[in-house]
Amino acid sequence: MEFQSMSKQELSELYKNLMAKYQNYQDQHLNLNMARGKPSTAQLDLSMEMLDLLNSKSNMKASSGEDCRNYGVADGLPEMRNLFADLLGMDDHNIIIGGNSSLNMMFDAISCCMTHGFQGCKPWSQQGHLKFLCPSPGYDRHFAITEYFGFELISIPMLSTGPDMDEVEKWVSSDPTVKGIWCVPKYSNPTGITYSDETVRRFAALKPAADDFHIFWDNAYCVHDLTDTPDHLLNLWLECRKLNSVDLPVFFASTSKITFPGAGVAAIAASEKNLEVFRKHFSYQTIGPDKLNQLRHIAFLKDVEHVKLHMKKHRAILQPKFEAVEAAFDRELSGKGIADWTHPNGGYFISLNVMEGCAKEVVSLCKRAGVILTNAGATFPYGKDPEDTNIRVAPSFPPIEELKTAADLLCLCVQIAACSKLLKSK
């Protein structure tokens, strides 16, 4: 029965029953965390073999002959560049391998634009007040980088096909102070949607008012499928080549949720013109990346086909967790008119929308009962969800029995917050 159709007396009785259940959860003194999309211990265990692949008898040389224990090979091992080229659908000479964090490479890319600029333009830091487009709900750490550098963050609505491209095109074509846009194109954080072919083609066809505008294309979940019918993402690089717009995008990826988030391998990819700028920038930071870690990864992952086989092991752990959360939502929230949620085919998140004005209260209720969620508003620029509706749900980290308890409590808190709001309006 929909909550909105209930009388005040029915809502009052419901609220009383819901609060009794809530007290039972509080009495359990739970300590559960669903705040971030971290791989579970079982997922990390899948890659432990990699740590034993290098020893005193191992060949420490790359295919090009360089000793991986020494300085050099600034762009990364040829084998590692080939692997990322296959993962991203690009050419290996358009890829630079970095350390363990693609987020670090994104920060460095923005920093490079701030201090030295692109396409013969002044550095961004010398151009006055600038803007950055932020598809929302989206990835909070993306938004934090550009907020840190002083950009005005412009929220772009996320549709089922990706960012609202009418809005993107309007801002990009008319305002030269708009310098970039953040994108998680496959299994977006947190909605789980994959950009449609039309959306990708419209990105490739953008006509920016600013000569130094860039698309920051974070393909973090390129192989993170959860079903037998995975989403397909059109290759932006190939679309840009067709339109001679290869200088628009800068691509990022990593093995963070393939092997170890704290000890993986990251990559940045772009046109030769853009990589020339990044190479110079990176050359002042390091004489060479951690090639032994790259060598370990190549010995373990081998090639893209072996990566896909490895990711099936991740799927076997993750899929039941996503199914458990969605089952709880279906069982406890369906038909009540107080919430809707996404049904992703991959990635690390489920996006839950609760009754307007209730997300903060839901997160607070969960916290007081021992379940930590991502802060309400975190999926919007400046941490401010204008409708206070969106909650990012991260099923990956807790053991499944704990996850089921957390999901049931979350559903209870969604109902309590909705019931309380409706009672106040009666």
Foldseek 3Di string as FASTA:
>chain_A
DALLPDDLVVLVVVLVVLVVVLVVLLVVQAAAEFADQAFAPVLQVLFPVLVPPDDPPDDQAAPVGDRLVDFAPQQAGLLLLQQVCVLQVHDSVQKRKAFLDLLVVVLLLLVLQQCPNAPPDRRLVPPPAAAEEEEPLAALSVLVSVVVVPHHYHYFYADLQGTPLVVVLVCFAPPQRHAEYEEQAALTVAAGHHHDPVRLLSQLVRDGPHPRHAYEYEPAWSLFFQDPDGDDHDNSCVSNVVVVNQQHYKYKYWCCSLHNSVGTMIMIGGDPRSVVSVSVSCVVVGSHHNRVSVVSCCVQQVHPVSSNVSSVSVSVQVNVLLVLLVVLCCVQPPPHPFKDWHDHRGDFWIKIFGHFPQQQQLQVSLVSSNYHYHHQQSSDNPSDDPRSTIGIGGRRYDHRVVSNVSSNSSSSSSSSSVSVVSSVVD
